[in-house]
Amino acid sequence: MKNLNLNRRNFLWKSIACSVCFTSSTFITDVLASGKNKTREEILNELDQKVEELMPLYRNCAQTSFGVLNDQFKLKAKKMIRGLKPFPGMALRGETCGAVTGSVLAIGLFFEPPKQTDLAQQTDTMNHAYTFCTAFEKEFGSTMCKGVQKHQYGKSYDLRIEEEWAEFVKAAASGGCMDVVKKSVRFAGEIIIDNS
């Protein structure tokens, strides 16, 4: 089982890396476009507001987290939002939380070096993603959807079972998932602001 989990993790990282390669040609990393004359706290508050606007629209933690960061930091990767539809819990399997995958993808796009041979900057990108995942795990006890659910709602749900999905939707109406996405986006936003 450990080997299977390792293969899934490798698949996730390779998928993200391929996505980054396809979009890096249109990516501008040298400007925090929407935050040039704003304080760090103003930018972080804007992130919270954008989560509140987009979460009801997307109804998806991966799409919302990436969509907010894409918009705020002008990542120019709007088409990628559609591709994140199956990422919550990795196809609702309870695996990596969509707020993690969406945020890590944004971090990867923001910090990806223009030259793939720039190993120092690639290492920095990985370190930023590691910092994000560590902060997220410290806050929610896990980066896995089932673990985050247990932290937020006291139990985890099998989202592929209709009755459990309905129970989850009822529990999530209290704002638990929106809180997760807000924190996730803030963690990623802090990393982007503090390291650019």
N, C-alpha and C. Protein backbone atom coordinates (compact mmCIF):
# COMPACT_ATOMS: atom_id res chain seq x y z
N MET A 1 0.82 -1.20 0.00
CA MET A 1 0.00 0.00 0.00
C MET A 1 0.86 1.26 0.00
N LYS A 2 1.99 1.21 0.73
CA LYS A 2 2.87 2.37 0.78
C LYS A 2 3.37 2.71 -0.62
N ASN A 3 3.74 1.70 -1.40
CA ASN A 3 4.23 1.92 -2.76
C ASN A 3 3.16 2.55 -3.63
N LEU A 4 1.90 2.14 -3.48
CA LEU A 4 0.80 2.70 -4.25
C LEU A 4 0.62 4.17 -3.92
N ASN A 5 0.70 4.53 -2.62
CA ASN A 5 0.60 5.93 -2.22
C ASN A 5 1.74 6.74 -2.79
N LEU A 6 2.94 6.19 -2.80
CA LEU A 6 4.09 6.87 -3.36
C LEU A 6 3.89 7.10 -4.85
N ASN A 7 3.34 6.10 -5.56
CA ASN A 7 3.09 6.26 -6.99
C ASN A 7 2.06 7.35 -7.24
N ARG A 8 1.01 7.44 -6.41
CA ARG A 8 0.02 8.51 -6.57
C ARG A 8 0.65 9.87 -6.35
N ARG A 9 1.51 9.95 -5.33
CA ARG A 9 2.19 11.22 -5.04
C ARG A 9 3.07 11.61 -6.22
N ASN A 10 3.81 10.65 -6.78
CA ASN A 10 4.65 10.93 -7.95
C ASN A 10 3.79 11.36 -9.13
N PHE A 11 2.66 10.69 -9.33
CA PHE A 11 1.75 11.07 -10.41
C PHE A 11 1.27 12.51 -10.24
N LEU A 12 0.89 12.88 -9.01
CA LEU A 12 0.42 14.24 -8.75
C LEU A 12 1.50 15.25 -9.08
N TRP A 13 2.70 15.01 -8.58
CA TRP A 13 3.79 15.97 -8.85
C TRP A 13 4.12 16.04 -10.34
N LYS A 14 4.12 14.90 -11.01
CA LYS A 14 4.40 14.91 -12.45
C LYS A 14 3.30 15.63 -13.22
N SER A 15 2.04 15.45 -12.80
CA SER A 15 0.92 16.14 -13.46
C SER A 15 1.05 17.63 -13.29
N ILE A 16 1.38 18.06 -12.07
CA ILE A 16 1.55 19.49 -11.83
C ILE A 16 2.72 20.03 -12.64
N ALA A 17 3.82 19.28 -12.68
CA ALA A 17 4.99 19.73 -13.44
C ALA A 17 4.66 19.88 -14.93
N CYS A 18 3.89 18.93 -15.48
CA CYS A 18 3.50 19.03 -16.90
C CYS A 18 2.63 20.26 -17.13
N SER A 19 1.70 20.51 -16.22
CA SER A 19 0.83 21.68 -16.36
C SER A 19 1.65 22.96 -16.34
N VAL A 20 2.64 22.99 -15.45
CA VAL A 20 3.50 24.17 -15.35
C VAL A 20 4.25 24.39 -16.66
N CYS A 21 4.76 23.31 -17.25
CA CYS A 21 5.51 23.44 -18.51
C CYS A 21 4.64 24.04 -19.60
N PHE A 22 3.36 23.62 -19.67
CA PHE A 22 2.48 24.12 -20.72
C PHE A 22 2.14 25.59 -20.56
N THR A 23 2.12 26.08 -19.32
CA THR A 23 1.69 27.46 -19.12
C THR A 23 2.82 28.43 -18.84
N SER A 24 4.03 27.93 -18.60
CA SER A 24 5.10 28.82 -18.20
C SER A 24 5.50 29.82 -19.28
N SER A 25 5.22 29.53 -20.54
CA SER A 25 5.59 30.47 -21.59
C SER A 25 4.78 31.76 -21.53
N THR A 26 3.60 31.74 -20.90
CA THR A 26 2.79 32.95 -20.80
C THR A 26 2.83 33.56 -19.41
N PHE A 27 3.70 33.06 -18.58
CA PHE A 27 3.70 33.46 -17.18
C PHE A 27 4.70 34.57 -16.90
N ILE A 28 4.27 35.59 -16.15
CA ILE A 28 5.15 36.70 -15.76
C ILE A 28 5.33 36.63 -14.26
N THR A 29 6.56 36.41 -13.81
CA THR A 29 6.80 36.24 -12.39
C THR A 29 7.35 37.49 -11.70
N ASP A 30 7.72 38.50 -12.44
CA ASP A 30 8.43 39.61 -11.83
C ASP A 30 7.54 40.70 -11.26
N VAL A 31 6.22 40.53 -11.27
CA VAL A 31 5.35 41.60 -10.77
C VAL A 31 4.23 41.01 -9.94
N LEU A 32 3.98 41.56 -8.80
CA LEU A 32 2.77 41.25 -8.05
C LEU A 32 1.72 42.22 -8.55
N ALA A 33 1.15 41.92 -9.68
CA ALA A 33 0.35 42.87 -10.44
C ALA A 33 -0.73 43.56 -9.64
N SER A 34 -1.49 42.83 -8.88
CA SER A 34 -2.62 43.47 -8.20
C SER A 34 -2.25 44.03 -6.84
N GLY A 35 -1.03 43.86 -6.40
CA GLY A 35 -0.68 44.30 -5.06
C GLY A 35 0.45 45.30 -5.00
N LYS A 36 0.72 45.96 -6.09
CA LYS A 36 1.88 46.83 -6.16
C LYS A 36 1.88 47.93 -5.09
N ASN A 37 0.74 48.55 -4.85
CA ASN A 37 0.68 49.64 -3.88
C ASN A 37 -0.16 49.28 -2.66
N LYS A 38 -0.28 48.02 -2.38
CA LYS A 38 -1.10 47.56 -1.26
C LYS A 38 -0.21 46.92 -0.21
N THR A 39 -0.68 47.00 1.03
CA THR A 39 0.06 46.34 2.11
C THR A 39 -0.19 44.83 2.04
N ARG A 40 0.66 44.11 2.72
CA ARG A 40 0.53 42.66 2.79
C ARG A 40 -0.85 42.28 3.32
N GLU A 41 -1.28 42.95 4.40
CA GLU A 41 -2.58 42.63 5.00
C GLU A 41 -3.73 42.96 4.07
N GLU A 42 -3.63 44.04 3.31
CA GLU A 42 -4.68 44.38 2.34
C GLU A 42 -4.80 43.28 1.28
N ILE A 43 -3.68 42.79 0.82
CA ILE A 43 -3.70 41.72 -0.18
C ILE A 43 -4.32 40.45 0.42
N LEU A 44 -3.93 40.11 1.64
CA LEU A 44 -4.46 38.91 2.28
C LEU A 44 -5.97 39.05 2.52
N ASN A 45 -6.43 40.22 2.88
CA ASN A 45 -7.87 40.45 3.06
C ASN A 45 -8.61 40.33 1.73
N GLU A 46 -7.99 40.81 0.65
CA GLU A 46 -8.59 40.65 -0.68
C GLU A 46 -8.73 39.17 -1.03
N LEU A 47 -7.74 38.37 -0.65
CA LEU A 47 -7.81 36.93 -0.91
C LEU A 47 -9.03 36.33 -0.21
N ASP A 48 -9.26 36.72 1.05
CA ASP A 48 -10.44 36.23 1.78
C ASP A 48 -11.73 36.59 1.05
N GLN A 49 -11.82 37.83 0.59
CA GLN A 49 -13.03 38.29 -0.12
C GLN A 49 -13.23 37.51 -1.41
N LYS A 50 -12.15 37.26 -2.12
CA LYS A 50 -12.26 36.52 -3.38
C LYS A 50 -12.69 35.08 -3.14
N VAL A 51 -12.23 34.47 -2.04
CA VAL A 51 -12.69 33.11 -1.71
C VAL A 51 -14.20 33.13 -1.50
N GLU A 52 -14.68 34.12 -0.75
CA GLU A 52 -16.12 34.22 -0.49
C GLU A 52 -16.92 34.39 -1.78
N GLU A 53 -16.35 35.08 -2.77
CA GLU A 53 -17.03 35.28 -4.05
C GLU A 53 -16.99 34.02 -4.93
N LEU A 54 -15.82 33.36 -4.98
CA LEU A 54 -15.65 32.25 -5.92
C LEU A 54 -16.10 30.89 -5.40
N MET A 55 -16.06 30.66 -4.09
CA MET A 55 -16.43 29.34 -3.56
C MET A 55 -17.86 28.97 -3.94
N PRO A 56 -18.84 29.89 -3.80
CA PRO A 56 -20.20 29.52 -4.22
C PRO A 56 -20.31 29.29 -5.74
N LEU A 57 -19.47 29.95 -6.51
CA LEU A 57 -19.49 29.80 -7.96
C LEU A 57 -18.92 28.44 -8.38
N TYR A 58 -17.71 28.13 -7.90
CA TYR A 58 -17.05 26.88 -8.29
C TYR A 58 -17.55 25.68 -7.49
N ARG A 59 -17.88 25.89 -6.22
CA ARG A 59 -18.29 24.81 -5.33
C ARG A 59 -17.24 23.70 -5.33
N ASN A 60 -15.97 24.11 -5.29
CA ASN A 60 -14.86 23.19 -5.45
C ASN A 60 -13.62 23.84 -4.83
N CYS A 61 -13.01 23.17 -3.85
CA CYS A 61 -11.88 23.76 -3.13
C CYS A 61 -10.64 23.94 -4.02
N ALA A 62 -10.39 23.02 -4.93
CA ALA A 62 -9.21 23.12 -5.80
C ALA A 62 -9.37 24.29 -6.78
N GLN A 63 -10.53 24.37 -7.42
CA GLN A 63 -10.76 25.44 -8.38
C GLN A 63 -10.79 26.80 -7.70
N THR A 64 -11.40 26.87 -6.52
CA THR A 64 -11.48 28.15 -5.82
C THR A 64 -10.11 28.61 -5.37
N SER A 65 -9.35 27.73 -4.72
CA SER A 65 -8.03 28.16 -4.24
C SER A 65 -7.14 28.61 -5.39
N PHE A 66 -7.10 27.83 -6.46
CA PHE A 66 -6.27 28.23 -7.59
C PHE A 66 -6.84 29.47 -8.28
N GLY A 67 -8.17 29.52 -8.45
CA GLY A 67 -8.79 30.66 -9.13
C GLY A 67 -8.51 31.98 -8.42
N VAL A 68 -8.57 31.97 -7.10
CA VAL A 68 -8.31 33.18 -6.32
C VAL A 68 -6.85 33.61 -6.48
N LEU A 69 -5.93 32.67 -6.33
CA LEU A 69 -4.51 32.99 -6.46
C LEU A 69 -4.15 33.38 -7.89
N ASN A 70 -4.74 32.71 -8.85
CA ASN A 70 -4.53 33.04 -10.26
C ASN A 70 -4.94 34.48 -10.54
N ASP A 71 -6.09 34.87 -10.02
CA ASP A 71 -6.60 36.23 -10.22
C ASP A 71 -5.75 37.26 -9.48
N GLN A 72 -5.48 37.01 -8.21
CA GLN A 72 -4.77 37.99 -7.39
C GLN A 72 -3.35 38.25 -7.88
N PHE A 73 -2.66 37.18 -8.27
CA PHE A 73 -1.25 37.30 -8.63
C PHE A 73 -1.02 37.22 -10.15
N LYS A 74 -2.08 37.34 -10.92
CA LYS A 74 -2.01 37.43 -12.38
C LYS A 74 -1.14 36.31 -12.97
N LEU A 75 -1.51 35.08 -12.65
CA LEU A 75 -0.75 33.93 -13.14
C LEU A 75 -1.04 33.62 -14.61
N LYS A 76 -2.09 34.19 -15.13
CA LYS A 76 -2.46 34.01 -16.54
C LYS A 76 -2.68 32.54 -16.90
N ALA A 77 -3.37 31.83 -16.05
CA ALA A 77 -3.60 30.40 -16.29
C ALA A 77 -5.06 30.04 -16.04
N LYS A 78 -5.95 30.89 -16.51
CA LYS A 78 -7.38 30.70 -16.25
C LYS A 78 -7.89 29.35 -16.77
N LYS A 79 -7.38 28.90 -17.90
CA LYS A 79 -7.85 27.64 -18.46
C LYS A 79 -7.57 26.46 -17.53
N MET A 80 -6.56 26.58 -16.71
CA MET A 80 -6.21 25.48 -15.81
C MET A 80 -7.29 25.26 -14.75
N ILE A 81 -8.08 26.29 -14.46
CA ILE A 81 -9.12 26.16 -13.43
C ILE A 81 -10.06 25.01 -13.79
N ARG A 82 -10.44 24.92 -15.06
CA ARG A 82 -11.36 23.86 -15.49
C ARG A 82 -10.77 22.48 -15.23
N GLY A 83 -9.47 22.35 -15.43
CA GLY A 83 -8.82 21.06 -15.24
C GLY A 83 -8.74 20.62 -13.79
N LEU A 84 -8.99 21.53 -12.87
CA LEU A 84 -8.93 21.20 -11.45
C LEU A 84 -10.25 20.63 -10.90
N LYS A 85 -11.25 20.50 -11.74
CA LYS A 85 -12.57 20.01 -11.29
C LYS A 85 -12.46 18.69 -10.51
N PRO A 86 -11.69 17.70 -10.94
CA PRO A 86 -11.67 16.43 -10.20
C PRO A 86 -10.66 16.38 -9.05
N PHE A 87 -10.03 17.51 -8.71
CA PHE A 87 -8.95 17.46 -7.73
C PHE A 87 -9.38 17.45 -6.26
N PRO A 88 -10.58 17.86 -5.87
CA PRO A 88 -10.92 17.75 -4.44
C PRO A 88 -10.80 16.31 -3.96
N GLY A 89 -9.89 16.11 -3.02
CA GLY A 89 -9.67 14.76 -2.50
C GLY A 89 -9.21 13.79 -3.56
N MET A 90 -8.66 14.28 -4.66
CA MET A 90 -8.25 13.47 -5.81
C MET A 90 -9.42 12.59 -6.24
N ALA A 91 -10.36 13.20 -6.92
CA ALA A 91 -11.54 12.51 -7.47
C ALA A 91 -12.45 11.98 -6.36
N LEU A 92 -12.56 12.76 -5.29
CA LEU A 92 -13.43 12.44 -4.14
C LEU A 92 -13.03 11.14 -3.44
N ARG A 93 -11.74 10.79 -3.50
CA ARG A 93 -11.26 9.56 -2.87
C ARG A 93 -10.75 9.82 -1.45
N GLY A 94 -10.81 11.06 -1.00
CA GLY A 94 -10.33 11.39 0.34
C GLY A 94 -8.83 11.61 0.40
N GLU A 95 -8.20 11.69 -0.76
CA GLU A 95 -6.74 11.87 -0.81
C GLU A 95 -6.42 13.37 -0.71
N THR A 96 -5.40 13.86 -1.37
CA THR A 96 -4.94 15.23 -1.18
C THR A 96 -6.09 16.24 -1.33
N CYS A 97 -6.20 17.12 -0.33
CA CYS A 97 -7.24 18.15 -0.31
C CYS A 97 -7.10 19.07 -1.52
N GLY A 98 -8.21 19.41 -2.13
CA GLY A 98 -8.18 20.29 -3.30
C GLY A 98 -7.62 21.67 -2.99
N ALA A 99 -7.82 22.15 -1.76
CA ALA A 99 -7.24 23.45 -1.40
C ALA A 99 -5.72 23.38 -1.42
N VAL A 100 -5.18 22.21 -1.16
CA VAL A 100 -3.73 22.01 -1.23
C VAL A 100 -3.29 21.96 -2.69
N THR A 101 -3.94 21.14 -3.51
CA THR A 101 -3.51 21.01 -4.91
C THR A 101 -3.64 22.33 -5.65
N GLY A 102 -4.75 23.05 -5.44
CA GLY A 102 -4.93 24.33 -6.12
C GLY A 102 -3.88 25.35 -5.70
N SER A 103 -3.59 25.40 -4.41
CA SER A 103 -2.60 26.36 -3.90
C SER A 103 -1.18 26.00 -4.32
N VAL A 104 -0.85 24.70 -4.27
CA VAL A 104 0.50 24.28 -4.68
C VAL A 104 0.71 24.54 -6.17
N LEU A 105 -0.32 24.33 -6.97
CA LEU A 105 -0.21 24.64 -8.39
C LEU A 105 0.07 26.12 -8.60
N ALA A 106 -0.61 26.98 -7.85
CA ALA A 106 -0.37 28.43 -7.97
C ALA A 106 1.05 28.78 -7.54
N ILE A 107 1.52 28.18 -6.45
CA ILE A 107 2.89 28.42 -6.00
C ILE A 107 3.88 27.97 -7.08
N GLY A 108 3.64 26.81 -7.65
CA GLY A 108 4.52 26.30 -8.71
C GLY A 108 4.56 27.23 -9.90
N LEU A 109 3.41 27.73 -10.31
CA LEU A 109 3.37 28.65 -11.46
C LEU A 109 4.05 29.97 -11.13
N PHE A 110 3.82 30.48 -9.93
CA PHE A 110 4.39 31.77 -9.59
C PHE A 110 5.92 31.72 -9.52
N PHE A 111 6.45 30.67 -8.93
CA PHE A 111 7.89 30.61 -8.70
C PHE A 111 8.65 29.79 -9.74
N GLU A 112 7.96 29.19 -10.69
CA GLU A 112 8.64 28.37 -11.69
C GLU A 112 9.68 29.19 -12.44
N PRO A 113 10.90 28.69 -12.53
CA PRO A 113 11.94 29.45 -13.24
C PRO A 113 11.67 29.48 -14.74
N PRO A 114 12.00 30.61 -15.39
CA PRO A 114 11.82 30.69 -16.84
C PRO A 114 12.64 29.64 -17.58
N LYS A 115 13.79 29.28 -17.02
CA LYS A 115 14.64 28.26 -17.63
C LYS A 115 14.55 27.00 -16.78
N GLN A 116 14.17 25.90 -17.40
CA GLN A 116 14.03 24.64 -16.68
C GLN A 116 15.37 24.14 -16.14
N THR A 117 16.48 24.70 -16.60
CA THR A 117 17.79 24.28 -16.14
C THR A 117 18.23 25.02 -14.88
N ASP A 118 17.45 25.98 -14.41
CA ASP A 118 17.78 26.75 -13.21
C ASP A 118 17.44 25.91 -11.97
N LEU A 119 18.37 25.07 -11.57
CA LEU A 119 18.14 24.14 -10.47
C LEU A 119 17.96 24.84 -9.14
N ALA A 120 18.65 25.95 -8.93
CA ALA A 120 18.51 26.68 -7.66
C ALA A 120 17.09 27.19 -7.50
N GLN A 121 16.53 27.77 -8.57
CA GLN A 121 15.17 28.28 -8.46
C GLN A 121 14.15 27.15 -8.38
N GLN A 122 14.43 26.03 -9.04
CA GLN A 122 13.54 24.87 -8.90
C GLN A 122 13.51 24.40 -7.46
N THR A 123 14.67 24.40 -6.82
CA THR A 123 14.74 24.02 -5.41
C THR A 123 13.95 25.01 -4.56
N ASP A 124 14.07 26.30 -4.85
CA ASP A 124 13.29 27.31 -4.13
C ASP A 124 11.79 27.05 -4.29
N THR A 125 11.35 26.72 -5.49
CA THR A 125 9.94 26.45 -5.75
C THR A 125 9.47 25.28 -4.90
N MET A 126 10.25 24.20 -4.88
CA MET A 126 9.90 23.04 -4.05
C MET A 126 9.87 23.41 -2.57
N ASN A 127 10.83 24.22 -2.14
CA ASN A 127 10.86 24.65 -0.74
C ASN A 127 9.63 25.47 -0.38
N HIS A 128 9.18 26.33 -1.29
CA HIS A 128 7.97 27.13 -1.03
C HIS A 128 6.75 26.21 -0.92
N ALA A 129 6.67 25.23 -1.80
CA ALA A 129 5.56 24.27 -1.75
C ALA A 129 5.62 23.46 -0.45
N TYR A 130 6.82 23.07 -0.05
CA TYR A 130 6.99 22.32 1.21
C TYR A 130 6.55 23.17 2.39
N THR A 131 6.95 24.43 2.40
CA THR A 131 6.56 25.35 3.48
C THR A 131 5.05 25.47 3.54
N PHE A 132 4.43 25.60 2.38
CA PHE A 132 2.96 25.68 2.32
C PHE A 132 2.33 24.43 2.92
N CYS A 133 2.76 23.26 2.45
CA CYS A 133 2.16 22.00 2.91
C CYS A 133 2.36 21.80 4.41
N THR A 134 3.51 22.20 4.92
CA THR A 134 3.79 22.09 6.36
C THR A 134 2.85 22.98 7.16
N ALA A 135 2.66 24.22 6.70
CA ALA A 135 1.75 25.15 7.40
C ALA A 135 0.32 24.64 7.34
N PHE A 136 -0.10 24.13 6.20
CA PHE A 136 -1.46 23.61 6.04
C PHE A 136 -1.67 22.42 6.97
N GLU A 137 -0.71 21.50 6.98
CA GLU A 137 -0.82 20.31 7.82
C GLU A 137 -0.85 20.68 9.31
N LYS A 138 -0.06 21.67 9.69
CA LYS A 138 -0.06 22.12 11.08
C LYS A 138 -1.42 22.68 11.47
N GLU A 139 -2.04 23.41 10.56
CA GLU A 139 -3.34 24.04 10.82
C GLU A 139 -4.48 23.02 10.85
N PHE A 140 -4.47 22.05 9.93
CA PHE A 140 -5.61 21.16 9.76
C PHE A 140 -5.32 19.69 10.10
N GLY A 141 -4.10 19.41 10.55
CA GLY A 141 -3.77 18.05 10.97
C GLY A 141 -3.42 17.11 9.84
N SER A 142 -3.59 17.54 8.60
CA SER A 142 -3.34 16.68 7.45
C SER A 142 -3.41 17.51 6.18
N THR A 143 -2.83 16.98 5.12
CA THR A 143 -3.06 17.57 3.79
C THR A 143 -4.06 16.71 3.02
N MET A 144 -4.50 15.62 3.63
CA MET A 144 -5.45 14.70 3.00
C MET A 144 -6.88 15.16 3.27
N CYS A 145 -7.73 15.06 2.28
CA CYS A 145 -9.12 15.49 2.39
C CYS A 145 -9.83 14.83 3.57
N LYS A 146 -9.68 13.53 3.72
CA LYS A 146 -10.35 12.83 4.83
C LYS A 146 -9.86 13.35 6.19
N GLY A 147 -8.57 13.63 6.29
CA GLY A 147 -8.03 14.17 7.54
C GLY A 147 -8.53 15.58 7.82
N VAL A 148 -8.61 16.39 6.77
CA VAL A 148 -9.13 17.76 6.92
C VAL A 148 -10.60 17.71 7.31
N GLN A 149 -11.36 16.82 6.68
CA GLN A 149 -12.77 16.68 7.05
C GLN A 149 -12.91 16.31 8.52
N LYS A 150 -12.11 15.37 8.97
CA LYS A 150 -12.17 14.94 10.36
C LYS A 150 -11.85 16.12 11.28
N HIS A 151 -10.86 16.92 10.91
CA HIS A 151 -10.48 18.09 11.71
C HIS A 151 -11.62 19.11 11.74
N GLN A 152 -12.24 19.34 10.60
CA GLN A 152 -13.27 20.38 10.49
C GLN A 152 -14.64 19.94 11.01
N TYR A 153 -14.99 18.67 10.78
CA TYR A 153 -16.36 18.22 11.06
C TYR A 153 -16.45 17.09 12.08
N GLY A 154 -15.29 16.62 12.56
CA GLY A 154 -15.30 15.55 13.55
C GLY A 154 -15.37 14.16 12.95
N LYS A 155 -15.52 14.07 11.65
CA LYS A 155 -15.56 12.78 10.95
C LYS A 155 -15.23 13.00 9.49
N SER A 156 -14.90 11.91 8.81
CA SER A 156 -14.67 12.01 7.37
C SER A 156 -15.83 11.33 6.66
N TYR A 157 -16.01 11.71 5.40
CA TYR A 157 -17.13 11.22 4.60
C TYR A 157 -16.61 10.55 3.34
N ASP A 158 -17.35 9.55 2.86
CA ASP A 158 -17.08 8.98 1.55
C ASP A 158 -17.97 9.76 0.58
N LEU A 159 -17.39 10.70 -0.13
CA LEU A 159 -18.16 11.64 -0.95
C LEU A 159 -18.74 11.02 -2.20
N ARG A 160 -18.41 9.76 -2.45
CA ARG A 160 -19.00 9.06 -3.60
C ARG A 160 -20.31 8.38 -3.25
N ILE A 161 -20.62 8.32 -1.96
CA ILE A 161 -21.88 7.71 -1.50
C ILE A 161 -22.89 8.85 -1.29
N GLU A 162 -24.02 8.74 -1.96
CA GLU A 162 -25.00 9.82 -1.99
C GLU A 162 -25.41 10.31 -0.59
N GLU A 163 -25.68 9.39 0.33
CA GLU A 163 -26.11 9.78 1.68
C GLU A 163 -24.99 10.53 2.41
N GLU A 164 -23.76 10.06 2.26
CA GLU A 164 -22.63 10.72 2.92
C GLU A 164 -22.34 12.06 2.27
N TRP A 165 -22.51 12.15 0.95
CA TRP A 165 -22.35 13.43 0.26
C TRP A 165 -23.35 14.44 0.81
N ALA A 166 -24.61 14.03 0.97
CA ALA A 166 -25.64 14.93 1.49
C ALA A 166 -25.31 15.37 2.91
N GLU A 167 -24.82 14.44 3.72
CA GLU A 167 -24.42 14.76 5.09
C GLU A 167 -23.25 15.74 5.10
N PHE A 168 -22.29 15.51 4.20
CA PHE A 168 -21.13 16.41 4.09
C PHE A 168 -21.57 17.81 3.68
N VAL A 169 -22.44 17.90 2.67
CA VAL A 169 -22.91 19.21 2.20
C VAL A 169 -23.59 19.96 3.34
N LYS A 170 -24.37 19.26 4.12
CA LYS A 170 -25.04 19.87 5.27
C LYS A 170 -24.02 20.38 6.28
N ALA A 171 -23.01 19.56 6.59
CA ALA A 171 -21.96 19.96 7.53
C ALA A 171 -21.14 21.11 6.99
N ALA A 172 -20.84 21.07 5.69
CA ALA A 172 -20.00 22.10 5.06
C ALA A 172 -20.71 23.45 4.99
N ALA A 173 -22.04 23.45 5.08
CA ALA A 173 -22.79 24.71 5.02
C ALA A 173 -22.40 25.64 6.17
N SER A 174 -21.79 25.08 7.21
CA SER A 174 -21.34 25.91 8.34
C SER A 174 -20.10 26.73 7.98
N GLY A 175 -19.55 26.51 6.81
CA GLY A 175 -18.39 27.28 6.36
C GLY A 175 -17.07 26.59 6.57
N GLY A 176 -17.08 25.32 6.97
CA GLY A 176 -15.84 24.62 7.24
C GLY A 176 -14.90 24.54 6.06
N CYS A 177 -15.43 24.22 4.88
CA CYS A 177 -14.58 24.14 3.69
C CYS A 177 -14.13 25.53 3.24
N MET A 178 -15.01 26.52 3.37
CA MET A 178 -14.60 27.87 3.00
C MET A 178 -13.47 28.34 3.90
N ASP A 179 -13.53 27.99 5.18
CA ASP A 179 -12.44 28.34 6.10
C ASP A 179 -11.13 27.68 5.68
N VAL A 180 -11.21 26.43 5.24
CA VAL A 180 -10.02 25.72 4.78
C VAL A 180 -9.43 26.41 3.56
N VAL A 181 -10.28 26.75 2.61
CA VAL A 181 -9.79 27.41 1.38
C VAL A 181 -9.22 28.79 1.71
N LYS A 182 -9.88 29.54 2.59
CA LYS A 182 -9.35 30.86 2.97
C LYS A 182 -7.96 30.73 3.58
N LYS A 183 -7.80 29.80 4.52
CA LYS A 183 -6.48 29.61 5.15
C LYS A 183 -5.45 29.16 4.13
N SER A 184 -5.85 28.24 3.26
CA SER A 184 -4.95 27.72 2.24
C SER A 184 -4.45 28.84 1.34
N VAL A 185 -5.38 29.65 0.87
CA VAL A 185 -5.04 30.76 -0.03
C VAL A 185 -4.18 31.79 0.70
N ARG A 186 -4.47 32.02 1.97
CA ARG A 186 -3.65 32.95 2.76
C ARG A 186 -2.22 32.42 2.91
N PHE A 187 -2.10 31.12 3.24
CA PHE A 187 -0.75 30.55 3.37
C PHE A 187 0.03 30.72 2.06
N ALA A 188 -0.61 30.39 0.94
CA ALA A 188 0.05 30.54 -0.37
C ALA A 188 0.34 32.01 -0.65
N GLY A 189 -0.63 32.87 -0.36
CA GLY A 189 -0.44 34.32 -0.59
C GLY A 189 0.71 34.87 0.21
N GLU A 190 0.84 34.46 1.47
CA GLU A 190 1.95 34.91 2.30
C GLU A 190 3.29 34.48 1.72
N ILE A 191 3.36 33.25 1.25
CA ILE A 191 4.59 32.75 0.64
C ILE A 191 4.94 33.55 -0.60
N ILE A 192 3.95 33.82 -1.43
CA ILE A 192 4.19 34.58 -2.66
C ILE A 192 4.63 36.01 -2.32
N ILE A 193 3.91 36.66 -1.43
CA ILE A 193 4.23 38.05 -1.06
C ILE A 193 5.61 38.13 -0.41
N ASP A 194 5.88 37.25 0.54
CA ASP A 194 7.12 37.32 1.31
C ASP A 194 8.36 36.90 0.54
N ASN A 195 8.19 36.22 -0.59
CA ASN A 195 9.35 35.71 -1.32
C ASN A 195 9.46 36.25 -2.74
N SER A 196 8.77 37.33 -3.02
CA SER A 196 8.88 37.88 -4.38
C SER A 196 9.42 39.29 -4.36
